[in-house]
Amino acid sequence: METKKNKNVDANRFRHGFFLVGLNYVAGITLAAFSYQQIIAEKDDSNAKNSVSISSYEEVEKEQDLKVELPKLPPQQAPQAALDLNDPIITIDNRNIEDTNNRVVLIDIEDPIVPIIPIVEPVEDFPDVEAVFNGGESAMQKWMQKNLQYPEIAMERGDKGKVYLKFVVEKDGTISNVEVIQGVSRELDNEAKRLIRAMPEWKAGETRGLKVRSSFTMPIHFDFN
């Protein structure tokens, strides 16, 4: 008995469709595997780059930590050339050059000036021991007669009389502060003062055993007869 095939249940007509479905399935799996490998590769590259950047950052940080600044040495001056004593000497006259960079400004500060007042010892009018000419009164008269110069003009006019003078005998015996307290004429007054100033040292007056400045009054008599 011959077996008959039913066209409605024939599986051969679905073979081509199954083949296409299987081909698409294999292609999808292959594409998915390829995409997965690419993603893994990209992740590995990014991890490698991050590791490289981190390691390089750590190396830079270590280099910065180990960097030590050395002190700067002063610049070395060039050695000076030896002086040649035979070189000519050049003289520059800068007296007329105005240096505006190094100008010195003097400020006048008005400080109070304290006058220096010398200490002058008083003059004793009446010391315990009066000052005297060395050698006494007679020695003084002889010296005055010898050194007196009668002015010719006063002689021609007939001027004569006594000129009274006052002066100070210092502690060392010298004469100072000669003045005329009563005169006769200008010529006779000047000669009397000259004569007193020209006297040798006196013996100073004393008070309480100490030498003092003392005043003395003396007349000088002018007479040509």
C-alpha atoms as a PDB file:
ATOM      1  CA  MET A   1       0.000   0.000   0.000  1.00  0.00           C
ATOM      2  CA  GLU A   2       1.613   3.339  -1.072  1.00  0.00           C
ATOM      3  CA  THR A   3       1.908   6.086   1.513  1.00  0.00           C
ATOM      4  CA  LYS A   4       0.611   9.450   0.315  1.00  0.00           C
ATOM      5  CA  LYS A   5       2.004  12.745   1.447  1.00  0.00           C
ATOM      6  CA  ASN A   6      -0.272  15.418   2.702  1.00  0.00           C
ATOM      7  CA  LYS A   7       0.606  18.802   1.295  1.00  0.00           C
ATOM      8  CA  ASN A   8      -0.670  20.576   4.416  1.00  0.00           C
ATOM      9  CA  VAL A   9       1.765  18.718   6.697  1.00  0.00           C
ATOM     10  CA  ASP A  10       4.805  18.780   4.393  1.00  0.00           C
ATOM     11  CA  ALA A  11       7.785  20.160   6.401  1.00  0.00           C
ATOM     12  CA  ASN A  12      10.071  20.751   3.411  1.00  0.00           C
ATOM     13  CA  ARG A  13       8.310  23.896   2.520  1.00  0.00           C
ATOM     14  CA  PHE A  14       9.355  25.469   5.881  1.00  0.00           C
ATOM     15  CA  ARG A  15      13.033  24.577   5.475  1.00  0.00           C
ATOM     16  CA  HIS A  16      14.057  27.831   3.861  1.00  0.00           C
ATOM     17  CA  GLY A  17      12.395  29.877   6.590  1.00  0.00           C
ATOM     18  CA  PHE A  18      14.075  27.910   9.340  1.00  0.00           C
ATOM     19  CA  PHE A  19      17.393  28.360   7.599  1.00  0.00           C
ATOM     20  CA  LEU A  20      17.014  32.172   7.507  1.00  0.00           C
ATOM     21  CA  VAL A  21      15.949  32.277  11.153  1.00  0.00           C
ATOM     22  CA  GLY A  22      18.944  30.224  12.210  1.00  0.00           C
ATOM     23  CA  LEU A  23      21.264  32.382  10.080  1.00  0.00           C
ATOM     24  CA  ASN A  24      19.949  35.559  11.741  1.00  0.00           C
ATOM     25  CA  TYR A  25      20.316  34.000  15.149  1.00  0.00           C
ATOM     26  CA  VAL A  26      23.953  33.037  14.508  1.00  0.00           C
ATOM     27  CA  ALA A  27      24.667  36.448  13.039  1.00  0.00           C
ATOM     28  CA  GLY A  28      23.135  38.155  16.096  1.00  0.00           C
ATOM     29  CA  ILE A  29      25.210  36.045  18.487  1.00  0.00           C
ATOM     30  CA  THR A  30      28.352  36.761  16.469  1.00  0.00           C
ATOM     31  CA  LEU A  31      27.628  40.517  16.423  1.00  0.00           C
ATOM     32  CA  ALA A  32      26.903  40.510  20.142  1.00  0.00           C
ATOM     33  CA  ALA A  33      30.149  38.676  20.898  1.00  0.00           C
ATOM     34  CA  PHE A  34      32.124  41.105  18.742  1.00  0.00           C
ATOM     35  CA  SER A  35      30.502  44.116  20.437  1.00  0.00           C
ATOM     36  CA  TYR A  36      31.199  42.644  23.864  1.00  0.00           C
ATOM     37  CA  GLN A  37      34.889  42.142  23.014  1.00  0.00           C
ATOM     38  CA  GLN A  38      35.124  45.751  21.744  1.00  0.00           C
ATOM     39  CA  ILE A  39      33.565  47.111  24.968  1.00  0.00           C
ATOM     40  CA  ILE A  40      35.974  45.042  27.061  1.00  0.00           C
ATOM     41  CA  ALA A  41      38.915  46.305  24.971  1.00  0.00           C
ATOM     42  CA  GLU A  42      37.815  49.942  25.418  1.00  0.00           C
ATOM     43  CA  LYS A  43      37.484  49.439  29.178  1.00  0.00           C
ATOM     44  CA  ASP A  44      40.962  47.922  29.299  1.00  0.00           C
ATOM     45  CA  ASP A  45      42.361  50.916  27.349  1.00  0.00           C
ATOM     46  CA  SER A  46      40.661  53.422  29.663  1.00  0.00           C
ATOM     47  CA  ASN A  47      41.934  51.598  32.744  1.00  0.00           C
ATOM     48  CA  ALA A  48      45.408  51.533  31.288  1.00  0.00           C
ATOM     49  CA  LYS A  49      45.270  55.279  30.582  1.00  0.00           C
ATOM     50  CA  ASN A  50      44.005  56.040  34.094  1.00  0.00           C
ATOM     51  CA  SER A  51      46.728  53.898  35.607  1.00  0.00           C
ATOM     52  CA  VAL A  52      49.321  55.661  33.481  1.00  0.00           C
ATOM     53  CA  SER A  53      48.002  59.107  34.449  1.00  0.00           C
ATOM     54  CA  ILE A  54      47.872  58.165  38.134  1.00  0.00           C
ATOM     55  CA  SER A  55      51.386  56.770  38.058  1.00  0.00           C
ATOM     56  CA  SER A  56      52.669  59.818  36.183  1.00  0.00           C
ATOM     57  CA  TYR A  57      50.923  62.113  38.719  1.00  0.00           C
ATOM     58  CA  GLU A  58      52.514  60.191  41.571  1.00  0.00           C
ATOM     59  CA  GLU A  59      55.931  60.444  39.888  1.00  0.00           C
ATOM     60  CA  VAL A  60      55.514  64.185  39.391  1.00  0.00           C
ATOM     61  CA  GLU A  61      54.383  64.588  42.984  1.00  0.00           C
ATOM     62  CA  LYS A  62      57.390  62.606  44.182  1.00  0.00           C
ATOM     63  CA  GLU A  63      59.700  64.727  42.030  1.00  0.00           C
ATOM     64  CA  GLN A  64      58.174  67.888  43.540  1.00  0.00           C
ATOM     65  CA  ASP A  65      58.647  66.528  47.041  1.00  0.00           C
ATOM     66  CA  LEU A  66      62.265  65.657  46.364  1.00  0.00           C
ATOM     67  CA  LYS A  67      63.051  69.012  44.749  1.00  0.00           C
ATOM     68  CA  VAL A  68      65.375  71.045  47.023  1.00  0.00           C
ATOM     69  CA  GLU A  69      66.321  74.624  46.178  1.00  0.00           C
ATOM     70  CA  LEU A  70      70.009  75.257  46.649  1.00  0.00           C
ATOM     71  CA  PRO A  71      71.136  78.685  47.954  1.00  0.00           C
ATOM     72  CA  LYS A  72      72.134  81.074  45.224  1.00  0.00           C
ATOM     73  CA  LEU A  73      75.793  81.839  45.187  1.00  0.00           C
ATOM     74  CA  PRO A  74      76.828  85.491  44.752  1.00  0.00           C
ATOM     75  CA  PRO A  75      77.984  86.313  41.277  1.00  0.00           C
ATOM     76  CA  GLN A  76      81.675  85.959  40.923  1.00  0.00           C
ATOM     77  CA  GLN A  77      83.436  89.180  40.158  1.00  0.00           C
ATOM     78  CA  ALA A  78      85.758  89.239  37.293  1.00  0.00           C
ATOM     79  CA  PRO A  79      89.381  89.253  38.403  1.00  0.00           C
ATOM     80  CA  GLN A  80      90.861  92.716  38.276  1.00  0.00           C
ATOM     81  CA  ALA A  81      93.632  93.265  35.891  1.00  0.00           C
ATOM     82  CA  ALA A  82      97.016  93.936  37.359  1.00  0.00           C
ATOM     83  CA  LEU A  83      97.890  97.613  37.582  1.00  0.00           C
ATOM     84  CA  ASP A  84     100.539  98.822  35.277  1.00  0.00           C
ATOM     85  CA  LEU A  85     102.570 101.510  37.015  1.00  0.00           C
ATOM     86  CA  ASN A  86     103.684 102.804  33.634  1.00  0.00           C
ATOM     87  CA  ASP A  87     100.134 103.694  32.556  1.00  0.00           C
ATOM     88  CA  PRO A  88      99.464 107.438  32.314  1.00  0.00           C
ATOM     89  CA  ILE A  89      97.403 108.963  35.127  1.00  0.00           C
ATOM     90  CA  ILE A  90      94.186 110.599  33.912  1.00  0.00           C
ATOM     91  CA  THR A  91      92.862 113.440  36.041  1.00  0.00           C
ATOM     92  CA  ILE A  92      89.211 114.383  35.725  1.00  0.00           C
ATOM     93  CA  ASP A  93      88.137 117.800  36.925  1.00  0.00           C
ATOM     94  CA  ASN A  94      84.568 117.377  38.089  1.00  0.00           C
ATOM     95  CA  ARG A  95      84.237 120.600  39.996  1.00  0.00           C
ATOM     96  CA  ASN A  96      81.877 122.004  37.371  1.00  0.00           C
ATOM     97  CA  ILE A  97      79.799 118.816  37.059  1.00  0.00           C
ATOM     98  CA  GLU A  98      76.580 118.886  39.033  1.00  0.00           C
ATOM     99  CA  ASP A  99      75.715 115.485  40.448  1.00  0.00           C
ATOM    100  CA  THR A 100      71.945 115.539  40.811  1.00  0.00           C
ATOM    101  CA  ASN A 101      71.697 111.937  41.992  1.00  0.00           C
ATOM    102  CA  ASN A 102      73.952 112.318  45.013  1.00  0.00           C
ATOM    103  CA  ARG A 103      72.999 115.849  45.968  1.00  0.00           C
ATOM    104  CA  VAL A 104      73.234 116.588  49.665  1.00  0.00           C
ATOM    105  CA  VAL A 105      70.622 118.990  50.966  1.00  0.00           C
ATOM    106  CA  LEU A 106      71.602 120.850  54.093  1.00  0.00           C
ATOM    107  CA  ILE A 107      68.714 121.694  56.368  1.00  0.00           C
ATOM    108  CA  ASP A 108      69.236 124.676  58.559  1.00  0.00           C
ATOM    109  CA  ILE A 109      67.868 123.754  61.963  1.00  0.00           C
ATOM    110  CA  GLU A 110      67.555 126.701  64.247  1.00  0.00           C
ATOM    111  CA  ASP A 111      68.962 125.446  67.509  1.00  0.00           C
ATOM    112  CA  PRO A 112      68.842 127.796  70.441  1.00  0.00           C
ATOM    113  CA  ILE A 113      72.299 129.255  70.907  1.00  0.00           C
ATOM    114  CA  VAL A 114      73.247 129.327  74.524  1.00  0.00           C
ATOM    115  CA  PRO A 115      75.716 132.169  75.061  1.00  0.00           C
ATOM    116  CA  ILE A 116      78.853 131.311  76.958  1.00  0.00           C
ATOM    117  CA  ILE A 117      79.205 133.800  79.762  1.00  0.00           C
ATOM    118  CA  PRO A 118      82.747 133.934  81.065  1.00  0.00           C
ATOM    119  CA  ILE A 119      83.133 133.942  84.794  1.00  0.00           C
ATOM    120  CA  VAL A 120      84.812 137.190  85.776  1.00  0.00           C
ATOM    121  CA  GLU A 121      86.142 137.480  89.273  1.00  0.00           C
ATOM    122  CA  PRO A 122      85.141 140.626  91.128  1.00  0.00           C
ATOM    123  CA  VAL A 123      87.549 143.526  91.596  1.00  0.00           C
ATOM    124  CA  GLU A 124      88.428 144.436  95.155  1.00  0.00           C
ATOM    125  CA  ASP A 125      88.435 148.196  95.769  1.00  0.00           C
ATOM    126  CA  PHE A 126      89.916 147.866  99.230  1.00  0.00           C
ATOM    127  CA  PRO A 127      91.916 144.638  99.536  1.00  0.00           C
ATOM    128  CA  ASP A 128      93.620 143.655 102.768  1.00  0.00           C
ATOM    129  CA  VAL A 129      96.995 144.230 101.107  1.00  0.00           C
ATOM    130  CA  GLU A 130      97.099 146.809  98.296  1.00  0.00           C
ATOM    131  CA  ALA A 131      98.865 146.123  95.017  1.00  0.00           C
ATOM    132  CA  VAL A 132     102.259 147.824  94.652  1.00  0.00           C
ATOM    133  CA  PHE A 133     104.842 148.461  91.962  1.00  0.00           C
ATOM    134  CA  ASN A 134     107.762 146.058  92.287  1.00  0.00           C
ATOM    135  CA  GLY A 135     110.407 148.011  94.222  1.00  0.00           C
ATOM    136  CA  GLY A 136     107.976 150.414  95.817  1.00  0.00           C
ATOM    137  CA  GLU A 137     106.976 154.045  95.205  1.00  0.00           C
ATOM    138  CA  SER A 138     110.481 155.374  94.550  1.00  0.00           C
ATOM    139  CA  ALA A 139     111.181 152.676  91.938  1.00  0.00           C
ATOM    140  CA  MET A 140     107.924 153.553  90.175  1.00  0.00           C
ATOM    141  CA  GLN A 141     108.784 157.283  90.068  1.00  0.00           C
ATOM    142  CA  LYS A 142     112.192 156.580  88.549  1.00  0.00           C
ATOM    143  CA  TRP A 143     110.674 154.266  85.915  1.00  0.00           C
ATOM    144  CA  MET A 144     108.002 156.839  84.961  1.00  0.00           C
ATOM    145  CA  GLN A 145     110.516 159.695  84.608  1.00  0.00           C
ATOM    146  CA  LYS A 146     112.644 157.483  82.396  1.00  0.00           C
ATOM    147  CA  ASN A 147     109.793 156.303  80.124  1.00  0.00           C
ATOM    148  CA  LEU A 148     107.578 159.421  80.007  1.00  0.00           C
ATOM    149  CA  GLN A 149     107.371 161.078  76.572  1.00  0.00           C
ATOM    150  CA  TYR A 150     105.967 164.597  76.757  1.00  0.00           C
ATOM    151  CA  PRO A 151     103.916 165.314  73.609  1.00  0.00           C
ATOM    152  CA  GLU A 152     105.440 168.161  71.554  1.00  0.00           C
ATOM    153  CA  ILE A 153     102.017 169.549  70.643  1.00  0.00           C
ATOM    154  CA  ALA A 154     101.101 169.741  74.327  1.00  0.00           C
ATOM    155  CA  MET A 155     104.410 171.528  75.051  1.00  0.00           C
ATOM    156  CA  GLU A 156     103.810 174.015  72.224  1.00  0.00           C
ATOM    157  CA  ARG A 157     100.369 174.786  73.579  1.00  0.00           C
ATOM    158  CA  GLY A 158     101.640 174.866  77.145  1.00  0.00           C
ATOM    159  CA  ASP A 159      99.437 171.980  78.345  1.00  0.00           C
ATOM    160  CA  LYS A 160     100.383 170.711  81.784  1.00  0.00           C
ATOM    161  CA  GLY A 161      98.728 169.309  84.909  1.00  0.00           C
ATOM    162  CA  LYS A 162      97.748 166.026  86.502  1.00  0.00           C
ATOM    163  CA  VAL A 163      95.968 163.204  84.698  1.00  0.00           C
ATOM    164  CA  TYR A 164      94.109 160.880  87.088  1.00  0.00           C
ATOM    165  CA  LEU A 165      93.822 157.287  85.958  1.00  0.00           C
ATOM    166  CA  LYS A 166      92.117 154.176  87.265  1.00  0.00           C
ATOM    167  CA  PHE A 167      93.198 150.641  86.370  1.00  0.00           C
ATOM    168  CA  VAL A 168      93.053 147.037  87.604  1.00  0.00           C
ATOM    169  CA  VAL A 169      96.008 145.036  88.844  1.00  0.00           C
ATOM    170  CA  GLU A 170      95.299 141.374  87.968  1.00  0.00           C
ATOM    171  CA  LYS A 171      96.256 138.451  90.171  1.00  0.00           C
ATOM    172  CA  ASP A 172      99.327 137.814  88.025  1.00  0.00           C
ATOM    173  CA  GLY A 173     100.450 141.490  88.382  1.00  0.00           C
ATOM    174  CA  THR A 174      99.538 142.635  84.865  1.00  0.00           C
ATOM    175  CA  ILE A 175      97.667 145.925  84.232  1.00  0.00           C
ATOM    176  CA  SER A 176      94.217 146.020  82.578  1.00  0.00           C
ATOM    177  CA  ASN A 177      91.136 148.245  82.168  1.00  0.00           C
ATOM    178  CA  VAL A 178      93.068 151.530  82.044  1.00  0.00           C
ATOM    179  CA  GLU A 179      90.806 154.571  81.943  1.00  0.00           C
ATOM    180  CA  VAL A 180      91.112 158.321  82.523  1.00  0.00           C
ATOM    181  CA  ILE A 181      88.843 159.638  85.250  1.00  0.00           C
ATOM    182  CA  GLN A 182      90.155 163.237  85.054  1.00  0.00           C
ATOM    183  CA  GLY A 183      92.252 164.491  82.163  1.00  0.00           C
ATOM    184  CA  VAL A 184      94.053 167.581  80.902  1.00  0.00           C
ATOM    185  CA  SER A 185      94.157 167.283  77.108  1.00  0.00           C
ATOM    186  CA  ARG A 186      93.835 164.524  74.577  1.00  0.00           C
ATOM    187  CA  GLU A 187      97.595 164.302  74.001  1.00  0.00           C
ATOM    188  CA  LEU A 188      98.452 164.185  77.727  1.00  0.00           C
ATOM    189  CA  ASP A 189      95.616 161.738  78.472  1.00  0.00           C
ATOM    190  CA  ASN A 190      96.788 159.333  75.751  1.00  0.00           C
ATOM    191  CA  GLU A 191     100.391 159.517  76.951  1.00  0.00           C
ATOM    192  CA  ALA A 192      99.320 158.794  80.526  1.00  0.00           C
ATOM    193  CA  LYS A 193      97.379 155.694  79.450  1.00  0.00           C
ATOM    194  CA  ARG A 194     100.284 154.502  77.300  1.00  0.00           C
ATOM    195  CA  LEU A 195     102.660 154.863  80.229  1.00  0.00           C
ATOM    196  CA  ILE A 196     100.453 152.811  82.594  1.00  0.00           C
ATOM    197  CA  ARG A 197      99.968 150.022  80.020  1.00  0.00           C
ATOM    198  CA  ALA A 198     103.727 149.839  79.462  1.00  0.00           C
ATOM    199  CA  MET A 199     104.503 149.285  83.163  1.00  0.00           C
ATOM    200  CA  PRO A 200     106.124 146.013  84.238  1.00  0.00           C
ATOM    201  CA  GLU A 201     104.182 143.593  86.387  1.00  0.00           C
ATOM    202  CA  TRP A 202     103.086 144.710  89.822  1.00  0.00           C
ATOM    203  CA  LYS A 203     102.758 142.742  93.008  1.00  0.00           C
ATOM    204  CA  ALA A 204      99.079 141.746  93.203  1.00  0.00           C
ATOM    205  CA  GLY A 205      96.863 142.688  96.140  1.00  0.00           C
ATOM    206  CA  GLU A 206      95.676 140.114  98.653  1.00  0.00           C
ATOM    207  CA  THR A 207      92.524 139.452 100.674  1.00  0.00           C
ATOM    208  CA  ARG A 208      92.502 136.791 103.398  1.00  0.00           C
ATOM    209  CA  GLY A 209      95.886 135.586 102.204  1.00  0.00           C
ATOM    210  CA  LEU A 210      94.751 135.031  98.581  1.00  0.00           C
ATOM    211  CA  LYS A 211      95.683 137.088  95.534  1.00  0.00           C
ATOM    212  CA  VAL A 212      92.808 139.102  94.150  1.00  0.00           C
ATOM    213  CA  ARG A 213      92.048 141.537  91.379  1.00  0.00           C
ATOM    214  CA  SER A 214      92.276 145.014  92.837  1.00  0.00           C
ATOM    215  CA  SER A 215      91.602 148.494  91.529  1.00  0.00           C
ATOM    216  CA  PHE A 216      94.159 151.272  91.782  1.00  0.00           C
ATOM    217  CA  THR A 217      93.914 155.042  91.217  1.00  0.00           C
ATOM    218  CA  MET A 218      96.994 157.099  90.454  1.00  0.00           C
ATOM    219  CA  PRO A 219      97.750 160.640  89.159  1.00  0.00           C
ATOM    220  CA  ILE A 220     100.500 161.409  86.614  1.00  0.00           C
ATOM    221  CA  HIS A 221     101.877 164.947  86.768  1.00  0.00           C
ATOM    222  CA  PHE A 222     102.901 166.641  83.497  1.00  0.00           C
ATOM    223  CA  ASP A 223     105.152 169.730  83.792  1.00  0.00           C
ATOM    224  CA  PHE A 224     107.823 170.860  81.324  1.00  0.00           C
ATOM    225  CA  ASN A 225     109.482 173.500  83.534  1.00  0.00           C
END
